[in-house]
PDB file of N, CA and C in Angstrom:
ATOM      1  N   MET A   1     -25.759   7.493  47.908  1.00  0.00           N
ATOM      2  CA  MET A   1     -25.580   6.190  47.306  1.00  0.00           C
ATOM      3  C   MET A   1     -24.178   6.359  46.679  1.00  0.00           C
ATOM      4  N   MET A   2     -23.410   4.965  46.803  1.00  0.00           N
ATOM      5  CA  MET A   2     -22.383   4.777  46.133  1.00  0.00           C
ATOM      6  C   MET A   2     -22.666   4.186  44.669  1.00  0.00           C
ATOM      7  N   ASP A   3     -21.619   5.116  43.918  1.00  0.00           N
ATOM      8  CA  ASP A   3     -22.144   4.753  42.279  1.00  0.00           C
ATOM      9  C   ASP A   3     -20.845   3.746  41.343  1.00  0.00           C
ATOM     10  N   SER A   4     -19.935   3.778  42.437  1.00  0.00           N
ATOM     11  CA  SER A   4     -18.564   2.511  41.951  1.00  0.00           C
ATOM     12  C   SER A   4     -18.244   2.099  42.700  1.00  0.00           C
ATOM     13  N   LEU A   5     -17.715   1.037  42.324  1.00  0.00           N
ATOM     14  CA  LEU A   5     -16.929  -0.104  43.292  1.00  0.00           C
ATOM     15  C   LEU A   5     -15.818   0.368  44.079  1.00  0.00           C
ATOM     16  N   GLU A   6     -15.525   1.667  43.509  1.00  0.00           N
ATOM     17  CA  GLU A   6     -14.134   2.078  44.546  1.00  0.00           C
ATOM     18  C   GLU A   6     -14.953   2.705  45.400  1.00  0.00           C
ATOM     19  N   GLU A   7     -15.708   3.727  45.311  1.00  0.00           N
ATOM     20  CA  GLU A   7     -16.622   3.892  46.670  1.00  0.00           C
ATOM     21  C   GLU A   7     -16.508   3.128  47.537  1.00  0.00           C
ATOM     22  N   LEU A   8     -17.348   2.051  47.033  1.00  0.00           N
ATOM     23  CA  LEU A   8     -17.825   0.849  47.789  1.00  0.00           C
ATOM     24  C   LEU A   8     -16.545   0.332  49.049  1.00  0.00           C
ATOM     25  N   LYS A   9     -15.747  -0.208  48.171  1.00  0.00           N
ATOM     26  CA  LYS A   9     -14.202  -0.409  48.579  1.00  0.00           C
ATOM     27  C   LYS A   9     -13.827   0.568  49.592  1.00  0.00           C
ATOM     28  N   ALA A  10     -13.710   1.657  49.025  1.00  0.00           N
ATOM     29  CA  ALA A  10     -13.490   2.890  50.484  1.00  0.00           C
ATOM     30  C   ALA A  10     -14.062   3.401  51.655  1.00  0.00           C
ATOM     31  N   GLU A  11     -15.726   2.601  51.403  1.00  0.00           N
ATOM     32  CA  GLU A  11     -16.320   2.552  52.475  1.00  0.00           C
ATOM     33  C   GLU A  11     -16.108   1.467  53.588  1.00  0.00           C
ATOM     34  N   ILE A  12     -16.196   0.353  52.706  1.00  0.00           N
ATOM     35  CA  ILE A  12     -15.616  -1.190  53.840  1.00  0.00           C
ATOM     36  C   ILE A  12     -14.137  -0.823  53.983  1.00  0.00           C
ATOM     37  N   ASP A  13     -13.091  -0.159  53.799  1.00  0.00           N
ATOM     38  CA  ASP A  13     -11.943   0.445  54.333  1.00  0.00           C
ATOM     39  C   ASP A  13     -12.072   0.807  55.339  1.00  0.00           C
ATOM     40  N   ALA A  14     -12.981   2.193  55.306  1.00  0.00           N
ATOM     41  CA  ALA A  14     -12.819   3.021  56.505  1.00  0.00           C
ATOM     42  C   ALA A  14     -13.826   2.693  57.433  1.00  0.00           C
ATOM     43  N   PHE A  15     -14.703   1.827  57.059  1.00  0.00           N
ATOM     44  CA  PHE A  15     -15.112   1.126  58.548  1.00  0.00           C
ATOM     45  C   PHE A  15     -14.200   0.011  59.447  1.00  0.00           C
ATOM     46  N   ALA A  16     -13.429  -0.772  58.394  1.00  0.00           N
ATOM     47  CA  ALA A  16     -12.530  -1.495  59.468  1.00  0.00           C
ATOM     48  C   ALA A  16     -11.559  -0.417  59.792  1.00  0.00           C
ATOM     49  N   LEU A  17     -10.804   0.546  59.521  1.00  0.00           N
ATOM     50  CA  LEU A  17      -9.964   1.242  59.801  1.00  0.00           C
ATOM     51  C   LEU A  17     -10.464   2.150  61.271  1.00  0.00           C
ATOM     52  N   GLU A  18     -12.127   2.545  60.973  1.00  0.00           N
ATOM     53  CA  GLU A  18     -12.212   3.319  62.119  1.00  0.00           C
ATOM     54  C   GLU A  18     -12.406   1.997  63.371  1.00  0.00           C
ATOM     55  N   ARG A  19     -12.718   1.171  63.452  1.00  0.00           N
ATOM     56  CA  ARG A  19     -12.721  -0.227  64.335  1.00  0.00           C
ATOM     57  C   ARG A  19     -11.487  -0.513  64.646  1.00  0.00           C
ATOM     58  N   ASP A  20     -10.274  -0.245  63.901  1.00  0.00           N
ATOM     59  CA  ASP A  20      -8.704  -0.620  64.129  1.00  0.00           C
ATOM     60  C   ASP A  20      -9.080  -2.130  63.887  1.00  0.00           C
ATOM     61  N   TRP A  21      -9.475  -3.274  63.033  1.00  0.00           N
ATOM     62  CA  TRP A  21      -9.722  -4.280  62.340  1.00  0.00           C
ATOM     63  C   TRP A  21      -8.492  -4.371  61.338  1.00  0.00           C
ATOM     64  N   GLY A  22      -7.703  -3.757  61.124  1.00  0.00           N
ATOM     65  CA  GLY A  22      -6.260  -3.798  59.946  1.00  0.00           C
ATOM     66  C   GLY A  22      -5.898  -4.979  60.588  1.00  0.00           C
ATOM     67  N   GLN A  23      -5.691  -4.886  62.239  1.00  0.00           N
ATOM     68  CA  GLN A  23      -4.429  -5.690  62.588  1.00  0.00           C
ATOM     69  C   GLN A  23      -5.271  -7.316  62.436  1.00  0.00           C
ATOM     70  N   PHE A  24      -6.205  -7.420  61.993  1.00  0.00           N
ATOM     71  CA  PHE A  24      -6.912  -8.925  62.284  1.00  0.00           C
ATOM     72  C   PHE A  24      -7.022  -9.201  60.529  1.00  0.00           C
ATOM     73  N   HIS A  25      -7.150  -8.429  59.749  1.00  0.00           N
ATOM     74  CA  HIS A  25      -7.572  -8.913  58.238  1.00  0.00           C
ATOM     75  C   HIS A  25      -6.246  -9.112  57.351  1.00  0.00           C
ATOM     76  N   THR A  26      -5.677 -10.096  57.670  1.00  0.00           N
ATOM     77  CA  THR A  26      -4.827 -10.426  57.191  1.00  0.00           C
ATOM     78  C   THR A  26      -5.516 -11.613  55.696  1.00  0.00           C
ATOM     79  N   PRO A  27      -4.762 -11.594  54.722  1.00  0.00           N
ATOM     80  CA  PRO A  27      -5.214 -12.257  53.769  1.00  0.00           C
ATOM     81  C   PRO A  27      -5.694 -13.549  54.213  1.00  0.00           C
ATOM     82  N   ALA A  28      -4.740 -14.308  54.830  1.00  0.00           N
ATOM     83  CA  ALA A  28      -5.468 -15.871  55.537  1.00  0.00           C
ATOM     84  C   ALA A  28      -6.691 -15.625  56.147  1.00  0.00           C
ATOM     85  N   ASN A  29      -6.694 -14.595  57.460  1.00  0.00           N
ATOM     86  CA  ASN A  29      -7.955 -14.393  57.886  1.00  0.00           C
ATOM     87  C   ASN A  29      -9.276 -14.261  57.322  1.00  0.00           C
ATOM     88  N   LEU A  30      -9.174 -13.019  55.963  1.00  0.00           N
ATOM     89  CA  LEU A  30      -9.962 -12.615  55.169  1.00  0.00           C
ATOM     90  C   LEU A  30     -10.705 -14.112  54.305  1.00  0.00           C
ATOM     91  N   ALA A  31      -9.707 -14.914  53.615  1.00  0.00           N
ATOM     92  CA  ALA A  31     -10.356 -15.641  52.906  1.00  0.00           C
ATOM     93  C   ALA A  31     -10.687 -16.918  53.935  1.00  0.00           C
ATOM     94  N   LYS A  32     -10.514 -16.880  55.226  1.00  0.00           N
ATOM     95  CA  LYS A  32     -10.933 -17.844  56.094  1.00  0.00           C
ATOM     96  C   LYS A  32     -12.726 -17.262  56.185  1.00  0.00           C
ATOM     97  N   SER A  33     -12.552 -16.032  56.395  1.00  0.00           N
ATOM     98  CA  SER A  33     -14.003 -15.686  56.732  1.00  0.00           C
ATOM     99  C   SER A  33     -15.005 -15.327  55.713  1.00  0.00           C
ATOM    100  N   ILE A  34     -14.187 -15.469  54.253  1.00  0.00           N
ATOM    101  CA  ILE A  34     -15.102 -15.602  53.185  1.00  0.00           C
ATOM    102  C   ILE A  34     -15.570 -16.835  53.341  1.00  0.00           C
ATOM    103  N   ALA A  35     -14.883 -17.800  53.416  1.00  0.00           N
ATOM    104  CA  ALA A  35     -15.092 -19.223  53.358  1.00  0.00           C
ATOM    105  C   ALA A  35     -16.613 -19.568  54.449  1.00  0.00           C
ATOM    106  N   ILE A  36     -16.156 -19.024  55.495  1.00  0.00           N
ATOM    107  CA  ILE A  36     -17.150 -19.143  56.885  1.00  0.00           C
ATOM    108  C   ILE A  36     -18.493 -18.414  56.450  1.00  0.00           C
ATOM    109  N   GLU A  37     -18.428 -17.199  55.724  1.00  0.00           N
ATOM    110  CA  GLU A  37     -19.777 -16.462  55.319  1.00  0.00           C
ATOM    111  C   GLU A  37     -20.163 -17.106  54.205  1.00  0.00           C
ATOM    112  N   SER A  38     -19.113 -18.064  53.174  1.00  0.00           N
ATOM    113  CA  SER A  38     -20.270 -18.483  52.286  1.00  0.00           C
ATOM    114  C   SER A  38     -21.234 -19.730  52.681  1.00  0.00           C
ATOM    115  N   CYS A  39     -20.557 -20.356  53.897  1.00  0.00           N
ATOM    116  CA  CYS A  39     -21.382 -21.348  54.453  1.00  0.00           C
ATOM    117  C   CYS A  39     -22.728 -21.295  54.860  1.00  0.00           C
ATOM    118  N   GLU A  40     -22.399 -19.658  55.683  1.00  0.00           N
ATOM    119  CA  GLU A  40     -23.559 -19.340  56.215  1.00  0.00           C
ATOM    120  C   GLU A  40     -24.641 -19.291  54.964  1.00  0.00           C
ATOM    121  N   LEU A  41     -24.349 -18.257  53.967  1.00  0.00           N
ATOM    122  CA  LEU A  41     -25.067 -18.473  52.860  1.00  0.00           C
ATOM    123  C   LEU A  41     -25.669 -19.673  52.415  1.00  0.00           C
ATOM    124  N   LEU A  42     -24.611 -20.728  52.299  1.00  0.00           N
ATOM    125  CA  LEU A  42     -25.237 -22.126  51.382  1.00  0.00           C
ATOM    126  C   LEU A  42     -26.321 -22.337  53.095  1.00  0.00           C
ATOM    127  N   GLU A  43     -25.910 -22.309  53.987  1.00  0.00           N
ATOM    128  CA  GLU A  43     -27.325 -22.778  55.279  1.00  0.00           C
ATOM    129  C   GLU A  43     -28.824 -22.270  54.788  1.00  0.00           C
ATOM    130  N   CYS A  44     -28.448 -20.848  54.274  1.00  0.00           N
ATOM    131  CA  CYS A  44     -29.896 -20.531  53.909  1.00  0.00           C
ATOM    132  C   CYS A  44     -30.978 -21.389  52.924  1.00  0.00           C
ATOM    133  N   PHE A  45     -29.975 -21.935  52.289  1.00  0.00           N
ATOM    134  CA  PHE A  45     -30.927 -22.980  51.310  1.00  0.00           C
ATOM    135  C   PHE A  45     -30.491 -24.713  51.739  1.00  0.00           C
ATOM    136  N   GLN A  46     -30.210 -24.763  53.067  1.00  0.00           N
ATOM    137  CA  GLN A  46     -29.921 -26.003  53.476  1.00  0.00           C
ATOM    138  C   GLN A  46     -31.538 -27.195  53.302  1.00  0.00           C
ATOM    139  N   TRP A  47     -32.309 -26.998  53.655  1.00  0.00           N
ATOM    140  CA  TRP A  47     -33.259 -27.662  54.004  1.00  0.00           C
ATOM    141  C   TRP A  47     -34.121 -27.826  52.733  1.00  0.00           C
ATOM    142  N   ASN A  48     -34.442 -26.794  51.965  1.00  0.00           N
ATOM    143  CA  ASN A  48     -35.274 -26.596  50.777  1.00  0.00           C
ATOM    144  C   ASN A  48     -34.860 -25.364  50.033  1.00  0.00           C
ATOM    145  N   GLU A  49     -34.566 -25.995  49.068  1.00  0.00           N
ATOM    146  CA  GLU A  49     -33.828 -24.945  47.762  1.00  0.00           C
ATOM    147  C   GLU A  49     -34.637 -24.085  47.136  1.00  0.00           C
ATOM    148  N   ASP A  50     -36.147 -23.896  47.604  1.00  0.00           N
ATOM    149  CA  ASP A  50     -37.238 -23.055  47.131  1.00  0.00           C
ATOM    150  C   ASP A  50     -37.681 -22.447  48.189  1.00  0.00           C
ATOM    151  N   GLU A  51     -37.829 -22.690  49.121  1.00  0.00           N
ATOM    152  CA  GLU A  51     -38.070 -21.850  50.309  1.00  0.00           C
ATOM    153  C   GLU A  51     -37.303 -21.449  50.949  1.00  0.00           C
ATOM    154  N   TYR A  52     -36.826 -20.102  51.066  1.00  0.00           N
ATOM    155  CA  TYR A  52     -35.587 -19.384  51.877  1.00  0.00           C
ATOM    156  C   TYR A  52     -36.472 -18.473  52.280  1.00  0.00           C
ATOM    157  N   LEU A  53     -35.478 -17.648  53.056  1.00  0.00           N
ATOM    158  CA  LEU A  53     -35.868 -16.039  53.677  1.00  0.00           C
ATOM    159  C   LEU A  53     -34.743 -15.127  52.885  1.00  0.00           C
ATOM    160  N   LEU A  54     -35.313 -14.106  52.185  1.00  0.00           N
ATOM    161  CA  LEU A  54     -34.567 -13.516  51.254  1.00  0.00           C
ATOM    162  C   LEU A  54     -33.633 -12.153  52.071  1.00  0.00           C
ATOM    163  N   ASP A  55     -33.995 -11.787  52.968  1.00  0.00           N
ATOM    164  CA  ASP A  55     -33.506 -10.981  54.440  1.00  0.00           C
ATOM    165  C   ASP A  55     -31.953 -11.763  54.268  1.00  0.00           C
ATOM    166  N   ASP A  56     -32.708 -13.165  54.830  1.00  0.00           N
ATOM    167  CA  ASP A  56     -30.709 -13.992  55.038  1.00  0.00           C
ATOM    168  C   ASP A  56     -30.512 -14.214  54.025  1.00  0.00           C
ATOM    169  N   VAL A  57     -30.877 -14.152  53.232  1.00  0.00           N
ATOM    170  CA  VAL A  57     -29.668 -14.686  51.991  1.00  0.00           C
ATOM    171  C   VAL A  57     -28.815 -13.430  51.691  1.00  0.00           C
ATOM    172  N   LYS A  58     -29.759 -12.035  51.455  1.00  0.00           N
ATOM    173  CA  LYS A  58     -28.814 -10.919  51.239  1.00  0.00           C
ATOM    174  C   LYS A  58     -28.087 -10.524  52.760  1.00  0.00           C
ATOM    175  N   GLU A  59     -28.222 -10.704  53.556  1.00  0.00           N
ATOM    176  CA  GLU A  59     -27.627 -10.378  54.984  1.00  0.00           C
ATOM    177  C   GLU A  59     -25.981 -11.314  54.458  1.00  0.00           C
ATOM    178  N   GLU A  60     -26.123 -12.580  54.654  1.00  0.00           N
ATOM    179  CA  GLU A  60     -25.297 -13.300  53.942  1.00  0.00           C
ATOM    180  C   GLU A  60     -24.499 -13.038  53.042  1.00  0.00           C
ATOM    181  N   LEU A  61     -24.677 -12.875  51.756  1.00  0.00           N
ATOM    182  CA  LEU A  61     -24.166 -12.288  50.496  1.00  0.00           C
ATOM    183  C   LEU A  61     -23.338 -10.946  50.790  1.00  0.00           C
ATOM    184  N   ALA A  62     -24.061 -10.429  51.456  1.00  0.00           N
ATOM    185  CA  ALA A  62     -23.226  -8.821  51.636  1.00  0.00           C
ATOM    186  C   ALA A  62     -22.298  -9.197  52.635  1.00  0.00           C
ATOM    187  N   ASP A  63     -22.006 -10.236  53.473  1.00  0.00           N
ATOM    188  CA  ASP A  63     -20.822 -10.493  54.178  1.00  0.00           C
ATOM    189  C   ASP A  63     -19.756 -11.404  53.409  1.00  0.00           C
ATOM    190  N   VAL A  64     -20.282 -12.036  52.310  1.00  0.00           N
ATOM    191  CA  VAL A  64     -19.684 -12.665  51.345  1.00  0.00           C
ATOM    192  C   VAL A  64     -18.793 -11.442  50.418  1.00  0.00           C
ATOM    193  N   ILE A  65     -19.819 -10.772  50.259  1.00  0.00           N
ATOM    194  CA  ILE A  65     -19.035  -9.579  49.231  1.00  0.00           C
ATOM    195  C   ILE A  65     -18.211  -8.629  49.789  1.00  0.00           C
ATOM    196  N   ASN A  66     -18.559  -8.447  51.398  1.00  0.00           N
ATOM    197  CA  ASN A  66     -17.646  -7.358  52.142  1.00  0.00           C
ATOM    198  C   ASN A  66     -16.226  -8.094  52.430  1.00  0.00           C
ATOM    199  N   TYR A  67     -16.179  -9.440  52.528  1.00  0.00           N
ATOM    200  CA  TYR A  67     -15.253  -9.909  52.877  1.00  0.00           C
ATOM    201  C   TYR A  67     -14.208 -10.070  51.700  1.00  0.00           C
ATOM    202  N   CYS A  68     -14.758 -10.229  50.301  1.00  0.00           N
ATOM    203  CA  CYS A  68     -14.236  -9.856  49.378  1.00  0.00           C
ATOM    204  C   CYS A  68     -13.558  -9.272  48.915  1.00  0.00           C
ATOM    205  N   ILE A  69     -14.347  -8.268  48.841  1.00  0.00           N
ATOM    206  CA  ILE A  69     -13.901  -6.722  48.438  1.00  0.00           C
ATOM    207  C   ILE A  69     -12.704  -6.285  49.253  1.00  0.00           C
ATOM    208  N   ARG A  70     -12.734  -6.444  50.955  1.00  0.00           N
ATOM    209  CA  ARG A  70     -11.565  -6.385  51.789  1.00  0.00           C
ATOM    210  C   ARG A  70     -10.549  -7.065  51.385  1.00  0.00           C
ATOM    211  N   LEU A  71     -10.400  -8.158  51.416  1.00  0.00           N
ATOM    212  CA  LEU A  71      -9.476  -9.280  50.926  1.00  0.00           C
ATOM    213  C   LEU A  71      -8.374  -8.426  49.496  1.00  0.00           C
ATOM    214  N   ALA A  72      -9.654  -7.834  48.646  1.00  0.00           N
ATOM    215  CA  ALA A  72      -8.908  -7.230  47.318  1.00  0.00           C
ATOM    216  C   ALA A  72      -8.197  -6.126  48.045  1.00  0.00           C
ATOM    217  N   SER A  73      -8.766  -5.311  48.422  1.00  0.00           N
ATOM    218  CA  SER A  73      -8.249  -4.264  48.879  1.00  0.00           C
ATOM    219  C   SER A  73      -6.848  -4.366  49.680  1.00  0.00           C
ATOM    220  N   VAL A  74      -6.893  -5.123  50.670  1.00  0.00           N
ATOM    221  CA  VAL A  74      -5.644  -5.742  51.488  1.00  0.00           C
ATOM    222  C   VAL A  74      -4.480  -6.079  50.486  1.00  0.00           C
ATOM    223  N   LEU A  75      -4.979  -6.708  49.385  1.00  0.00           N
ATOM    224  CA  LEU A  75      -3.470  -7.270  48.657  1.00  0.00           C
ATOM    225  C   LEU A  75      -3.655  -6.300  47.595  1.00  0.00           C
ATOM    226  N   ASP A  76      -4.236  -4.984  47.585  1.00  0.00           N
ATOM    227  CA  ASP A  76      -4.029  -4.308  46.667  1.00  0.00           C
ATOM    228  C   ASP A  76      -4.484  -4.503  45.021  1.00  0.00           C
ATOM    229  N   LEU A  77      -5.391  -5.302  45.007  1.00  0.00           N
ATOM    230  CA  LEU A  77      -6.104  -5.621  43.843  1.00  0.00           C
ATOM    231  C   LEU A  77      -7.298  -5.296  42.991  1.00  0.00           C
ATOM    232  N   ASP A  78      -7.071  -4.688  42.159  1.00  0.00           N
ATOM    233  CA  ASP A  78      -8.398  -4.094  41.545  1.00  0.00           C
ATOM    234  C   ASP A  78      -9.322  -4.881  41.160  1.00  0.00           C
ATOM    235  N   VAL A  79     -10.453  -5.038  41.843  1.00  0.00           N
ATOM    236  CA  VAL A  79     -11.805  -5.900  41.692  1.00  0.00           C
ATOM    237  C   VAL A  79     -12.351  -5.827  40.184  1.00  0.00           C
ATOM    238  N   ARG A  80     -12.433  -4.951  39.771  1.00  0.00           N
ATOM    239  CA  ARG A  80     -12.926  -4.927  38.563  1.00  0.00           C
ATOM    240  C   ARG A  80     -12.225  -5.657  37.572  1.00  0.00           C
ATOM    241  N   LYS A  81     -10.742  -5.033  37.502  1.00  0.00           N
ATOM    242  CA  LYS A  81     -10.006  -6.120  36.611  1.00  0.00           C
ATOM    243  C   LYS A  81     -10.107  -6.890  36.873  1.00  0.00           C
ATOM    244  N   ILE A  82      -9.569  -8.112  38.210  1.00  0.00           N
ATOM    245  CA  ILE A  82      -9.434  -9.702  38.292  1.00  0.00           C
ATOM    246  C   ILE A  82     -10.686 -10.063  37.905  1.00  0.00           C
ATOM    247  N   VAL A  83     -12.056  -9.726  38.150  1.00  0.00           N
ATOM    248  CA  VAL A  83     -12.846  -9.884  37.703  1.00  0.00           C
ATOM    249  C   VAL A  83     -13.236 -10.299  36.320  1.00  0.00           C
ATOM    250  N   LEU A  84     -13.159  -8.929  35.268  1.00  0.00           N
ATOM    251  CA  LEU A  84     -12.478  -9.073  33.864  1.00  0.00           C
ATOM    252  C   LEU A  84     -12.086 -10.007  33.159  1.00  0.00           C
ATOM    253  N   ASP A  85     -10.860 -10.061  34.001  1.00  0.00           N
ATOM    254  CA  ASP A  85      -9.530 -11.082  33.471  1.00  0.00           C
ATOM    255  C   ASP A  85      -9.945 -12.295  33.751  1.00  0.00           C
ATOM    256  N   LYS A  86     -10.835 -12.997  34.758  1.00  0.00           N
ATOM    257  CA  LYS A  86     -11.456 -14.195  34.849  1.00  0.00           C
ATOM    258  C   LYS A  86     -12.631 -14.189  34.067  1.00  0.00           C
ATOM    259  N   VAL A  87     -13.522 -13.528  33.515  1.00  0.00           N
ATOM    260  CA  VAL A  87     -14.439 -13.713  32.880  1.00  0.00           C
ATOM    261  C   VAL A  87     -13.941 -13.680  31.639  1.00  0.00           C
ATOM    262  N   GLU A  88     -12.958 -13.241  30.869  1.00  0.00           N
ATOM    263  CA  GLU A  88     -12.326 -13.431  29.494  1.00  0.00           C
ATOM    264  C   GLU A  88     -11.702 -14.722  29.662  1.00  0.00           C
ATOM    265  N   LYS A  89     -11.087 -15.419  30.675  1.00  0.00           N
ATOM    266  CA  LYS A  89     -10.503 -17.052  30.814  1.00  0.00           C
ATOM    267  C   LYS A  89     -11.808 -17.994  30.727  1.00  0.00           C
ATOM    268  N   ASN A  90     -12.563 -17.244  31.519  1.00  0.00           N
ATOM    269  CA  ASN A  90     -13.782 -18.432  31.308  1.00  0.00           C
ATOM    270  C   ASN A  90     -14.362 -18.235  30.182  1.00  0.00           C
ATOM    271  N   ARG A  91     -14.147 -17.144  29.201  1.00  0.00           N
ATOM    272  CA  ARG A  91     -14.681 -17.300  27.595  1.00  0.00           C
ATOM    273  C   ARG A  91     -13.888 -18.314  26.898  1.00  0.00           C
ATOM    274  N   ILE A  92     -12.914 -18.346  27.034  1.00  0.00           N
ATOM    275  CA  ILE A  92     -12.058 -19.009  26.365  1.00  0.00           C
ATOM    276  C   ILE A  92     -12.205 -20.722  26.651  1.00  0.00           C
ATOM    277  N   LYS A  93     -12.311 -20.708  28.343  1.00  0.00           N
ATOM    278  CA  LYS A  93     -12.523 -22.137  28.740  1.00  0.00           C
ATOM    279  C   LYS A  93     -14.161 -22.705  28.540  1.00  0.00           C
ATOM    280  N   TYR A  94     -14.685 -21.902  28.323  1.00  0.00           N
ATOM    281  CA  TYR A  94     -16.494 -22.260  27.996  1.00  0.00           C
ATOM    282  C   TYR A  94     -16.908 -21.436  26.707  1.00  0.00           C
ATOM    283  N   PRO A  95     -16.422 -21.701  25.369  1.00  0.00           N
ATOM    284  CA  PRO A  95     -16.897 -21.297  24.553  1.00  0.00           C
ATOM    285  C   PRO A  95     -18.595 -21.476  24.130  1.00  0.00           C
ATOM    286  N   VAL A  96     -19.168 -20.504  23.619  1.00  0.00           N
ATOM    287  CA  VAL A  96     -20.398 -20.972  23.608  1.00  0.00           C
ATOM    288  C   VAL A  96     -20.876 -22.085  22.461  1.00  0.00           C
ATOM    289  N   ASP A  97     -20.314 -22.026  21.765  1.00  0.00           N
ATOM    290  CA  ASP A  97     -20.839 -23.490  21.178  1.00  0.00           C
ATOM    291  C   ASP A  97     -20.503 -24.532  21.772  1.00  0.00           C
ATOM    292  N   LYS A  98     -20.188 -24.750  22.830  1.00  0.00           N
ATOM    293  CA  LYS A  98     -19.667 -26.005  23.505  1.00  0.00           C
ATOM    294  C   LYS A  98     -20.191 -25.986  24.935  1.00  0.00           C
ATOM    295  N   ALA A  99     -20.482 -24.777  25.568  1.00  0.00           N
ATOM    296  CA  ALA A  99     -20.969 -24.392  27.038  1.00  0.00           C
ATOM    297  C   ALA A  99     -22.133 -23.906  26.952  1.00  0.00           C
ATOM    298  N   LYS A 100     -22.743 -23.587  26.019  1.00  0.00           N
ATOM    299  CA  LYS A 100     -24.411 -23.041  25.788  1.00  0.00           C
ATOM    300  C   LYS A 100     -25.604 -24.337  26.535  1.00  0.00           C
ATOM    301  N   GLY A 101     -26.132 -23.986  27.487  1.00  0.00           N
ATOM    302  CA  GLY A 101     -27.043 -25.134  28.070  1.00  0.00           C
ATOM    303  C   GLY A 101     -26.256 -26.085  28.437  1.00  0.00           C
ATOM    304  N   SER A 102     -24.848 -25.984  28.912  1.00  0.00           N
ATOM    305  CA  SER A 102     -24.670 -27.533  29.575  1.00  0.00           C
ATOM    306  C   SER A 102     -23.926 -26.932  30.875  1.00  0.00           C
ATOM    307  N   SER A 103     -23.877 -28.069  31.980  1.00  0.00           N
ATOM    308  CA  SER A 103     -23.053 -27.869  32.916  1.00  0.00           C
ATOM    309  C   SER A 103     -21.931 -28.317  33.123  1.00  0.00           C
ATOM    310  N   LYS A 104     -21.231 -29.077  32.092  1.00  0.00           N
ATOM    311  CA  LYS A 104     -20.099 -29.597  32.244  1.00  0.00           C
ATOM    312  C   LYS A 104     -19.020 -28.964  32.547  1.00  0.00           C
ATOM    313  N   LYS A 105     -17.706 -29.431  33.001  1.00  0.00           N
ATOM    314  CA  LYS A 105     -16.655 -28.757  33.165  1.00  0.00           C
ATOM    315  C   LYS A 105     -16.027 -29.079  31.992  1.00  0.00           C
ATOM    316  N   TYR A 106     -15.424 -27.428  31.709  1.00  0.00           N
ATOM    317  CA  TYR A 106     -14.827 -27.108  30.433  1.00  0.00           C
ATOM    318  C   TYR A 106     -13.777 -28.103  30.295  1.00  0.00           C
ATOM    319  N   ASP A 107     -13.239 -29.117  30.714  1.00  0.00           N
ATOM    320  CA  ASP A 107     -12.404 -30.320  30.336  1.00  0.00           C
ATOM    321  C   ASP A 107     -13.155 -31.290  29.527  1.00  0.00           C
ATOM    322  N   ARG A 108     -14.867 -31.593  29.770  1.00  0.00           N
ATOM    323  CA  ARG A 108     -15.254 -32.311  29.780  1.00  0.00           C
ATOM    324  C   ARG A 108     -16.274 -32.299  28.433  1.00  0.00           C
ATOM    325  N   PHE A 109     -15.878 -31.420  27.795  1.00  0.00           N
ATOM    326  CA  PHE A 109     -16.811 -31.185  26.769  1.00  0.00           C
ATOM    327  C   PHE A 109     -16.540 -32.373  25.791  1.00  0.00           C
TER     328      PHE A 109
END
């Protein structure tokens, strides 16, 4: 069992390397793949938001996550750092006293 994001990234990279897929994994192609898989995830909820097949959701979510991690790897980005940096930016944009319980965008407070 993998205990870290780095181990997960290494597993995804090894999978692509074994298949010689690096030649296809340009940042643009990976970004397109993320968008395509995100749409497939959304399709799980297309006709009914309350009735969906969890196994299908897991499969599509895994595809999105895999492509995101692969893109970060190709661009030599530290996933943990970029996610935490974005959380910090959002913490500033969405202070608790204004954002709690609200779905408004930060510029609409």
